[in-house]
Amino acid sequence: MTEDGSARLREIVMPSVEVGMDAGRLVDFLVQVGDRVSVGQPLFTVEAEKVTLEIESPVAGRVAELCVSPGSEVAVGLPVLVLKVEQDTGAR
């Protein structure tokens, strides 16, 4: 998903946090639209059958969209939120 030449959108999906997990419950968001996030910063809390975990950001960026409501059951692999990630403008 490319938005323009200097930034791109990255979907953060519901992870599988247990063996055989098909869906998890989004307990709560730990960020809001417009917030800047860094790598490793917790984004949201997921509850599965045997575990509750905070899911961390794999990239730095800004929260562009929250895709589901807290309390929702979300299938593994479906988007939970979208980050606007700044492109690296350094030489390759």
PDB file of N, CA and C in Angstrom:
ATOM      1  N   MET A   1       0.836  -1.180   0.000  1.00  0.00           N
ATOM      2  CA  MET A   1       0.000   0.000   0.000  1.00  0.00           C
ATOM      3  C   MET A   1       0.881   1.244   0.000  1.00  0.00           C
ATOM      4  N   THR A   2       0.964   1.921  -1.074  1.00  0.00           N
ATOM      5  CA  THR A   2       1.781   3.121  -1.127  1.00  0.00           C
ATOM      6  C   THR A   2       0.881   4.339  -1.128  1.00  0.00           C
ATOM      7  N   GLU A   3       1.178   5.274  -0.252  1.00  0.00           N
ATOM      8  CA  GLU A   3       0.370   6.488  -0.163  1.00  0.00           C
ATOM      9  C   GLU A   3       0.958   7.581  -1.046  1.00  0.00           C
ATOM     10  N   ASP A   4       2.267   7.798  -0.956  1.00  0.00           N
ATOM     11  CA  ASP A   4       2.944   8.769  -1.801  1.00  0.00           C
ATOM     12  C   ASP A   4       4.416   8.391  -1.858  1.00  0.00           C
ATOM     13  N   GLY A   5       5.255   9.260  -2.388  1.00  0.00           N
ATOM     14  CA  GLY A   5       6.664   8.943  -2.556  1.00  0.00           C
ATOM     15  C   GLY A   5       7.467   8.925  -1.280  1.00  0.00           C
ATOM     16  N   SER A   6       6.987   9.537  -0.198  1.00  0.00           N
ATOM     17  CA  SER A   6       7.810   9.631   1.001  1.00  0.00           C
ATOM     18  C   SER A   6       7.309   8.765   2.155  1.00  0.00           C
ATOM     19  N   ALA A   7       6.128   8.194   2.042  1.00  0.00           N
ATOM     20  CA  ALA A   7       5.595   7.365   3.124  1.00  0.00           C
ATOM     21  C   ALA A   7       4.799   6.212   2.532  1.00  0.00           C
ATOM     22  N   ARG A   8       4.654   5.165   3.331  1.00  0.00           N
ATOM     23  CA  ARG A   8       3.827   4.037   2.904  1.00  0.00           C
ATOM     24  C   ARG A   8       2.989   3.591   4.087  1.00  0.00           C
ATOM     25  N   LEU A   9       1.909   2.881   3.804  1.00  0.00           N
ATOM     26  CA  LEU A   9       1.038   2.377   4.849  1.00  0.00           C
ATOM     27  C   LEU A   9       1.368   0.914   5.115  1.00  0.00           C
ATOM     28  N   ARG A  10       1.385   0.549   6.388  1.00  0.00           N
ATOM     29  CA  ARG A  10       1.683  -0.824   6.782  1.00  0.00           C
ATOM     30  C   ARG A  10       0.581  -1.321   7.701  1.00  0.00           C
ATOM     31  N   GLU A  11      -0.105  -2.384   7.279  1.00  0.00           N
ATOM     32  CA  GLU A  11      -1.136  -2.983   8.109  1.00  0.00           C
ATOM     33  C   GLU A  11      -0.480  -3.829   9.191  1.00  0.00           C
ATOM     34  N   ILE A  12      -0.936  -3.662  10.420  1.00  0.00           N
ATOM     35  CA  ILE A  12      -0.509  -4.510  11.524  1.00  0.00           C
ATOM     36  C   ILE A  12      -1.682  -5.456  11.772  1.00  0.00           C
ATOM     37  N   VAL A  13      -1.443  -6.755  11.610  1.00  0.00           N
ATOM     38  CA  VAL A  13      -2.519  -7.745  11.634  1.00  0.00           C
ATOM     39  C   VAL A  13      -2.586  -8.471  12.970  1.00  0.00           C
ATOM     40  N   MET A  14      -3.721  -9.128  13.191  1.00  0.00           N
ATOM     41  CA  MET A  14      -3.893  -9.956  14.383  1.00  0.00           C
ATOM     42  C   MET A  14      -2.916 -11.129  14.283  1.00  0.00           C
ATOM     43  N   PRO A  15      -2.002 -11.235  15.249  1.00  0.00           N
ATOM     44  CA  PRO A  15      -1.044 -12.334  15.212  1.00  0.00           C
ATOM     45  C   PRO A  15      -1.636 -13.606  15.828  1.00  0.00           C
ATOM     46  N   SER A  16      -1.032 -14.714  15.521  1.00  0.00           N
ATOM     47  CA  SER A  16      -1.361 -15.971  16.192  1.00  0.00           C
ATOM     48  C   SER A  16      -0.444 -16.067  17.402  1.00  0.00           C
ATOM     49  N   VAL A  17      -0.997 -15.936  18.599  1.00  0.00           N
ATOM     50  CA  VAL A  17      -0.182 -15.938  19.816  1.00  0.00           C
ATOM     51  C   VAL A  17      -0.237 -17.287  20.552  1.00  0.00           C
ATOM     52  N   GLU A  18      -1.034 -18.229  20.032  1.00  0.00           N
ATOM     53  CA  GLU A  18      -1.124 -19.584  20.566  1.00  0.00           C
ATOM     54  C   GLU A  18      -1.174 -20.569  19.413  1.00  0.00           C
ATOM     55  N   VAL A  19      -0.698 -21.769  19.641  1.00  0.00           N
ATOM     56  CA  VAL A  19      -0.771 -22.817  18.623  1.00  0.00           C
ATOM     57  C   VAL A  19      -2.237 -23.087  18.297  1.00  0.00           C
ATOM     58  N   GLY A  20      -2.550 -23.101  17.008  1.00  0.00           N
ATOM     59  CA  GLY A  20      -3.909 -23.384  16.568  1.00  0.00           C
ATOM     60  C   GLY A  20      -4.892 -22.239  16.723  1.00  0.00           C
ATOM     61  N   MET A  21      -4.407 -21.040  17.051  1.00  0.00           N
ATOM     62  CA  MET A  21      -5.293 -19.895  17.246  1.00  0.00           C
ATOM     63  C   MET A  21      -5.857 -19.416  15.911  1.00  0.00           C
ATOM     64  N   ASP A  22      -7.187 -19.270  15.831  1.00  0.00           N
ATOM     65  CA  ASP A  22      -7.850 -18.775  14.620  1.00  0.00           C
ATOM     66  C   ASP A  22      -8.244 -17.312  14.740  1.00  0.00           C
ATOM     67  N   ALA A  23      -8.484 -16.851  15.986  1.00  0.00           N
ATOM     68  CA  ALA A  23      -8.913 -15.470  16.234  1.00  0.00           C
ATOM     69  C   ALA A  23      -8.542 -15.096  17.660  1.00  0.00           C
ATOM     70  N   GLY A  24      -8.464 -13.800  17.894  1.00  0.00           N
ATOM     71  CA  GLY A  24      -8.203 -13.290  19.231  1.00  0.00           C
ATOM     72  C   GLY A  24      -9.117 -12.113  19.498  1.00  0.00           C
ATOM     73  N   ARG A  25      -9.265 -11.773  20.779  1.00  0.00           N
ATOM     74  CA  ARG A  25     -10.091 -10.628  21.146  1.00  0.00           C
ATOM     75  C   ARG A  25      -9.177  -9.434  21.359  1.00  0.00           C
ATOM     76  N   LEU A  26      -9.493  -8.342  20.663  1.00  0.00           N
ATOM     77  CA  LEU A  26      -8.753  -7.101  20.872  1.00  0.00           C
ATOM     78  C   LEU A  26      -9.249  -6.497  22.183  1.00  0.00           C
ATOM     79  N   VAL A  27      -8.403  -6.515  23.204  1.00  0.00           N
ATOM     80  CA  VAL A  27      -8.794  -6.000  24.514  1.00  0.00           C
ATOM     81  C   VAL A  27      -8.852  -4.480  24.476  1.00  0.00           C
ATOM     82  N   ASP A  28      -7.758  -3.847  24.011  1.00  0.00           N
ATOM     83  CA  ASP A  28      -7.707  -2.387  23.988  1.00  0.00           C
ATOM     84  C   ASP A  28      -6.543  -1.918  23.134  1.00  0.00           C
ATOM     85  N   PHE A  29      -6.677  -0.724  22.584  1.00  0.00           N
ATOM     86  CA  PHE A  29      -5.573  -0.065  21.898  1.00  0.00           C
ATOM     87  C   PHE A  29      -4.739   0.689  22.932  1.00  0.00           C
ATOM     88  N   LEU A  30      -3.438   0.696  22.736  1.00  0.00           N
ATOM     89  CA  LEU A  30      -2.520   1.435  23.604  1.00  0.00           C
ATOM     90  C   LEU A  30      -2.013   2.693  22.910  1.00  0.00           C
ATOM     91  N   VAL A  31      -2.504   2.937  21.688  1.00  0.00           N
ATOM     92  CA  VAL A  31      -2.170   4.118  20.894  1.00  0.00           C
ATOM     93  C   VAL A  31      -3.457   4.645  20.272  1.00  0.00           C
ATOM     94  N   GLN A  32      -3.409   5.876  19.766  1.00  0.00           N
ATOM     95  CA  GLN A  32      -4.549   6.500  19.100  1.00  0.00           C
ATOM     96  C   GLN A  32      -4.109   7.009  17.724  1.00  0.00           C
ATOM     97  N   VAL A  33      -5.063   7.271  16.839  1.00  0.00           N
ATOM     98  CA  VAL A  33      -4.757   7.818  15.520  1.00  0.00           C
ATOM     99  C   VAL A  33      -3.954   9.103  15.702  1.00  0.00           C
ATOM    100  N   GLY A  34      -2.865   9.213  14.947  1.00  0.00           N
ATOM    101  CA  GLY A  34      -1.999  10.386  15.002  1.00  0.00           C
ATOM    102  C   GLY A  34      -0.783  10.201  15.888  1.00  0.00           C
ATOM    103  N   ASP A  35      -0.812   9.203  16.784  1.00  0.00           N
ATOM    104  CA  ASP A  35       0.337   8.965  17.668  1.00  0.00           C
ATOM    105  C   ASP A  35       1.546   8.485  16.868  1.00  0.00           C
ATOM    106  N   ARG A  36       2.732   8.963  17.256  1.00  0.00           N
ATOM    107  CA  ARG A  36       3.985   8.430  16.728  1.00  0.00           C
ATOM    108  C   ARG A  36       4.349   7.209  17.537  1.00  0.00           C
ATOM    109  N   VAL A  37       4.807   6.162  16.848  1.00  0.00           N
ATOM    110  CA  VAL A  37       5.234   4.948  17.535  1.00  0.00           C
ATOM    111  C   VAL A  37       6.644   4.584  17.099  1.00  0.00           C
ATOM    112  N   SER A  38       7.356   3.915  17.990  1.00  0.00           N
ATOM    113  CA  SER A  38       8.696   3.451  17.689  1.00  0.00           C
ATOM    114  C   SER A  38       8.701   1.925  17.641  1.00  0.00           C
ATOM    115  N   VAL A  39       9.745   1.362  17.088  1.00  0.00           N
ATOM    116  CA  VAL A  39       9.893  -0.086  17.029  1.00  0.00           C
ATOM    117  C   VAL A  39       9.875  -0.633  18.457  1.00  0.00           C
ATOM    118  N   GLY A  40       9.071  -1.656  18.691  1.00  0.00           N
ATOM    119  CA  GLY A  40       8.982  -2.277  20.000  1.00  0.00           C
ATOM    120  C   GLY A  40       7.963  -1.660  20.940  1.00  0.00           C
ATOM    121  N   GLN A  41       7.355  -0.548  20.539  1.00  0.00           N
ATOM    122  CA  GLN A  41       6.344   0.087  21.381  1.00  0.00           C
ATOM    123  C   GLN A  41       5.052  -0.733  21.343  1.00  0.00           C
ATOM    124  N   PRO A  42       4.439  -1.027  22.487  1.00  0.00           N
ATOM    125  CA  PRO A  42       3.166  -1.751  22.490  1.00  0.00           C
ATOM    126  C   PRO A  42       2.072  -0.953  21.780  1.00  0.00           C
ATOM    127  N   LEU A  43       1.322  -1.648  20.891  1.00  0.00           N
ATOM    128  CA  LEU A  43       0.260  -1.023  20.108  1.00  0.00           C
ATOM    129  C   LEU A  43      -1.130  -1.377  20.614  1.00  0.00           C
ATOM    130  N   PHE A  44      -1.324  -2.652  20.950  1.00  0.00           N
ATOM    131  CA  PHE A  44      -2.632  -3.122  21.403  1.00  0.00           C
ATOM    132  C   PHE A  44      -2.463  -4.392  22.225  1.00  0.00           C
ATOM    133  N   THR A  45      -3.527  -4.724  22.967  1.00  0.00           N
ATOM    134  CA  THR A  45      -3.531  -5.924  23.797  1.00  0.00           C
ATOM    135  C   THR A  45      -4.485  -6.938  23.185  1.00  0.00           C
ATOM    136  N   VAL A  46      -4.019  -8.189  23.100  1.00  0.00           N
ATOM    137  CA  VAL A  46      -4.779  -9.293  22.531  1.00  0.00           C
ATOM    138  C   VAL A  46      -5.013 -10.342  23.616  1.00  0.00           C
ATOM    139  N   GLU A  47      -6.225 -10.872  23.628  1.00  0.00           N
ATOM    140  CA  GLU A  47      -6.548 -11.966  24.545  1.00  0.00           C
ATOM    141  C   GLU A  47      -6.906 -13.193  23.717  1.00  0.00           C
ATOM    142  N   ALA A  48      -6.236 -14.305  24.031  1.00  0.00           N
ATOM    143  CA  ALA A  48      -6.548 -15.583  23.406  1.00  0.00           C
ATOM    144  C   ALA A  48      -7.073 -16.503  24.508  1.00  0.00           C
ATOM    145  N   GLU A  49      -7.216 -17.759  24.205  1.00  0.00           N
ATOM    146  CA  GLU A  49      -7.786 -18.690  25.175  1.00  0.00           C
ATOM    147  C   GLU A  49      -6.966 -18.777  26.461  1.00  0.00           C
ATOM    148  N   LYS A  50      -5.639 -18.811  26.338  1.00  0.00           N
ATOM    149  CA  LYS A  50      -4.797 -19.040  27.513  1.00  0.00           C
ATOM    150  C   LYS A  50      -3.828 -17.912  27.828  1.00  0.00           C
ATOM    151  N   VAL A  51      -3.864 -16.826  27.068  1.00  0.00           N
ATOM    152  CA  VAL A  51      -2.847 -15.788  27.242  1.00  0.00           C
ATOM    153  C   VAL A  51      -3.407 -14.416  26.862  1.00  0.00           C
ATOM    154  N   THR A  52      -2.884 -13.385  27.512  1.00  0.00           N
ATOM    155  CA  THR A  52      -3.149 -11.997  27.139  1.00  0.00           C
ATOM    156  C   THR A  52      -1.793 -11.338  26.924  1.00  0.00           C
ATOM    157  N   LEU A  53      -1.601 -10.730  25.747  1.00  0.00           N
ATOM    158  CA  LEU A  53      -0.311 -10.151  25.390  1.00  0.00           C
ATOM    159  C   LEU A  53      -0.453  -8.757  24.802  1.00  0.00           C
ATOM    160  N   GLU A  54       0.575  -7.936  25.017  1.00  0.00           N
ATOM    161  CA  GLU A  54       0.692  -6.662  24.311  1.00  0.00           C
ATOM    162  C   GLU A  54       1.454  -6.933  23.023  1.00  0.00           C
ATOM    163  N   ILE A  55       0.934  -6.454  21.909  1.00  0.00           N
ATOM    164  CA  ILE A  55       1.577  -6.626  20.612  1.00  0.00           C
ATOM    165  C   ILE A  55       2.363  -5.361  20.298  1.00  0.00           C
ATOM    166  N   GLU A  56       3.651  -5.546  19.967  1.00  0.00           N
ATOM    167  CA  GLU A  56       4.559  -4.419  19.739  1.00  0.00           C
ATOM    168  C   GLU A  56       4.667  -4.068  18.259  1.00  0.00           C
ATOM    169  N   SER A  57       5.032  -2.830  18.009  1.00  0.00           N
ATOM    170  CA  SER A  57       5.200  -2.358  16.642  1.00  0.00           C
ATOM    171  C   SER A  57       6.487  -2.913  16.030  1.00  0.00           C
ATOM    172  N   PRO A  58       6.395  -3.454  14.813  1.00  0.00           N
ATOM    173  CA  PRO A  58       7.589  -3.933  14.133  1.00  0.00           C
ATOM    174  C   PRO A  58       8.345  -2.810  13.408  1.00  0.00           C
ATOM    175  N   VAL A  59       7.708  -1.640  13.289  1.00  0.00           N
ATOM    176  CA  VAL A  59       8.293  -0.511  12.560  1.00  0.00           C
ATOM    177  C   VAL A  59       7.961   0.800  13.276  1.00  0.00           C
ATOM    178  N   ALA A  60       8.709   1.837  12.962  1.00  0.00           N
ATOM    179  CA  ALA A  60       8.419   3.177  13.467  1.00  0.00           C
ATOM    180  C   ALA A  60       7.491   3.884  12.485  1.00  0.00           C
ATOM    181  N   GLY A  61       6.625   4.729  12.991  1.00  0.00           N
ATOM    182  CA  GLY A  61       5.718   5.478  12.119  1.00  0.00           C
ATOM    183  C   GLY A  61       4.677   6.221  12.927  1.00  0.00           C
ATOM    184  N   ARG A  62       3.571   6.516  12.259  1.00  0.00           N
ATOM    185  CA  ARG A  62       2.465   7.237  12.889  1.00  0.00           C
ATOM    186  C   ARG A  62       1.195   6.415  12.666  1.00  0.00           C
ATOM    187  N   VAL A  63       0.344   6.333  13.685  1.00  0.00           N
ATOM    188  CA  VAL A  63      -0.902   5.578  13.581  1.00  0.00           C
ATOM    189  C   VAL A  63      -1.830   6.308  12.617  1.00  0.00           C
ATOM    190  N   ALA A  64      -2.213   5.616  11.535  1.00  0.00           N
ATOM    191  CA  ALA A  64      -3.082   6.204  10.518  1.00  0.00           C
ATOM    192  C   ALA A  64      -4.538   5.794  10.693  1.00  0.00           C
ATOM    193  N   GLU A  65      -4.767   4.566  11.200  1.00  0.00           N
ATOM    194  CA  GLU A  65      -6.144   4.071  11.300  1.00  0.00           C
ATOM    195  C   GLU A  65      -6.217   2.950  12.326  1.00  0.00           C
ATOM    196  N   LEU A  66      -7.315   2.924  13.087  1.00  0.00           N
ATOM    197  CA  LEU A  66      -7.654   1.803  13.963  1.00  0.00           C
ATOM    198  C   LEU A  66      -8.768   1.056  13.239  1.00  0.00           C
ATOM    199  N   CYS A  67      -8.550  -0.213  12.909  1.00  0.00           N
ATOM    200  CA  CYS A  67      -9.446  -0.945  12.013  1.00  0.00           C
ATOM    201  C   CYS A  67     -10.588  -1.681  12.704  1.00  0.00           C
ATOM    202  N   VAL A  68     -10.477  -1.946  13.994  1.00  0.00           N
ATOM    203  CA  VAL A  68     -11.502  -2.688  14.725  1.00  0.00           C
ATOM    204  C   VAL A  68     -11.786  -1.987  16.051  1.00  0.00           C
ATOM    205  N   SER A  69     -12.844  -2.381  16.704  1.00  0.00           N
ATOM    206  CA  SER A  69     -13.209  -1.798  18.001  1.00  0.00           C
ATOM    207  C   SER A  69     -12.719  -2.688  19.139  1.00  0.00           C
ATOM    208  N   PRO A  70     -12.312  -2.090  20.252  1.00  0.00           N
ATOM    209  CA  PRO A  70     -11.961  -2.893  21.418  1.00  0.00           C
ATOM    210  C   PRO A  70     -13.116  -3.829  21.790  1.00  0.00           C
ATOM    211  N   GLY A  71     -12.757  -5.056  22.166  1.00  0.00           N
ATOM    212  CA  GLY A  71     -13.750  -6.067  22.497  1.00  0.00           C
ATOM    213  C   GLY A  71     -14.095  -6.969  21.329  1.00  0.00           C
ATOM    214  N   SER A  72     -13.659  -6.582  20.116  1.00  0.00           N
ATOM    215  CA  SER A  72     -13.972  -7.363  18.914  1.00  0.00           C
ATOM    216  C   SER A  72     -13.132  -8.626  18.819  1.00  0.00           C
ATOM    217  N   GLU A  73     -13.740  -9.690  18.284  1.00  0.00           N
ATOM    218  CA  GLU A  73     -13.007 -10.889  17.907  1.00  0.00           C
ATOM    219  C   GLU A  73     -12.462 -10.629  16.508  1.00  0.00           C
ATOM    220  N   VAL A  74     -11.153 -10.850  16.330  1.00  0.00           N
ATOM    221  CA  VAL A  74     -10.500 -10.569  15.051  1.00  0.00           C
ATOM    222  C   VAL A  74      -9.784 -11.823  14.589  1.00  0.00           C
ATOM    223  N   ALA A  75     -10.054 -12.256  13.369  1.00  0.00           N
ATOM    224  CA  ALA A  75      -9.393 -13.432  12.811  1.00  0.00           C
ATOM    225  C   ALA A  75      -7.901 -13.163  12.637  1.00  0.00           C
ATOM    226  N   VAL A  76      -7.108 -14.197  12.876  1.00  0.00           N
ATOM    227  CA  VAL A  76      -5.667 -14.097  12.666  1.00  0.00           C
ATOM    228  C   VAL A  76      -5.410 -13.678  11.220  1.00  0.00           C
ATOM    229  N   GLY A  77      -4.535 -12.682  11.042  1.00  0.00           N
ATOM    230  CA  GLY A  77      -4.172 -12.206   9.707  1.00  0.00           C
ATOM    231  C   GLY A  77      -4.963 -11.010   9.217  1.00  0.00           C
ATOM    232  N   LEU A  78      -6.060 -10.657   9.911  1.00  0.00           N
ATOM    233  CA  LEU A  78      -6.825  -9.478   9.512  1.00  0.00           C
ATOM    234  C   LEU A  78      -6.233  -8.224  10.153  1.00  0.00           C
ATOM    235  N   PRO A  79      -6.340  -7.067   9.479  1.00  0.00           N
ATOM    236  CA  PRO A  79      -5.761  -5.829  10.003  1.00  0.00           C
ATOM    237  C   PRO A  79      -6.415  -5.379  11.310  1.00  0.00           C
ATOM    238  N   VAL A  80      -5.556  -4.944  12.240  1.00  0.00           N
ATOM    239  CA  VAL A  80      -6.011  -4.376  13.502  1.00  0.00           C
ATOM    240  C   VAL A  80      -5.821  -2.861  13.469  1.00  0.00           C
ATOM    241  N   LEU A  81      -4.680  -2.436  12.929  1.00  0.00           N
ATOM    242  CA  LEU A  81      -4.421  -1.009  12.750  1.00  0.00           C
ATOM    243  C   LEU A  81      -3.481  -0.800  11.583  1.00  0.00           C
ATOM    244  N   VAL A  82      -3.385   0.456  11.145  1.00  0.00           N
ATOM    245  CA  VAL A  82      -2.526   0.813  10.018  1.00  0.00           C
ATOM    246  C   VAL A  82      -1.557   1.898  10.475  1.00  0.00           C
ATOM    247  N   LEU A  83      -0.277   1.703  10.144  1.00  0.00           N
ATOM    248  CA  LEU A  83       0.754   2.693  10.439  1.00  0.00           C
ATOM    249  C   LEU A  83       1.222   3.350   9.153  1.00  0.00           C
ATOM    250  N   LYS A  84       1.463   4.633   9.219  1.00  0.00           N
ATOM    251  CA  LYS A  84       2.103   5.372   8.120  1.00  0.00           C
ATOM    252  C   LYS A  84       3.597   5.349   8.425  1.00  0.00           C
ATOM    253  N   VAL A  85       4.350   4.669   7.581  1.00  0.00           N
ATOM    254  CA  VAL A  85       5.783   4.464   7.803  1.00  0.00           C
ATOM    255  C   VAL A  85       6.568   5.363   6.878  1.00  0.00           C
ATOM    256  N   GLU A  86       7.462   6.157   7.443  1.00  0.00           N
ATOM    257  CA  GLU A  86       8.309   7.033   6.635  1.00  0.00           C
ATOM    258  C   GLU A  86       9.326   6.196   5.861  1.00  0.00           C
ATOM    259  N   GLN A  87       9.499   6.522   4.604  1.00  0.00           N
ATOM    260  CA  GLN A  87      10.473   5.829   3.754  1.00  0.00           C
ATOM    261  C   GLN A  87      11.881   6.269   4.120  1.00  0.00           C
ATOM    262  N   ASP A  88      12.814   5.356   4.001  1.00  0.00           N
ATOM    263  CA  ASP A  88      14.230   5.686   4.177  1.00  0.00           C
ATOM    264  C   ASP A  88      14.695   6.422   2.927  1.00  0.00           C
ATOM    265  N   THR A  89      15.161   7.657   3.107  1.00  0.00           N
ATOM    266  CA  THR A  89      15.597   8.454   1.953  1.00  0.00           C
ATOM    267  C   THR A  89      17.102   8.395   1.745  1.00  0.00           C
ATOM    268  N   GLY A  90      17.784   7.568   2.530  1.00  0.00           N
ATOM    269  CA  GLY A  90      19.248   7.434   2.392  1.00  0.00           C
ATOM    270  C   GLY A  90      19.638   6.703   1.118  1.00  0.00           C
ATOM    271  N   ALA A  91      20.889   6.844   0.711  1.00  0.00           N
ATOM    272  CA  ALA A  91      21.397   6.179  -0.489  1.00  0.00           C
ATOM    273  C   ALA A  91      21.434   4.686  -0.269  1.00  0.00           C
ATOM    274  N   ARG A  92      21.218   3.960  -1.361  1.00  0.00           N
ATOM    275  CA  ARG A  92      21.227   2.489  -1.290  1.00  0.00           C
ATOM    276  C   ARG A  92      22.439   1.940  -1.971  1.00  0.00           C
TER     277      ARG A  92
END
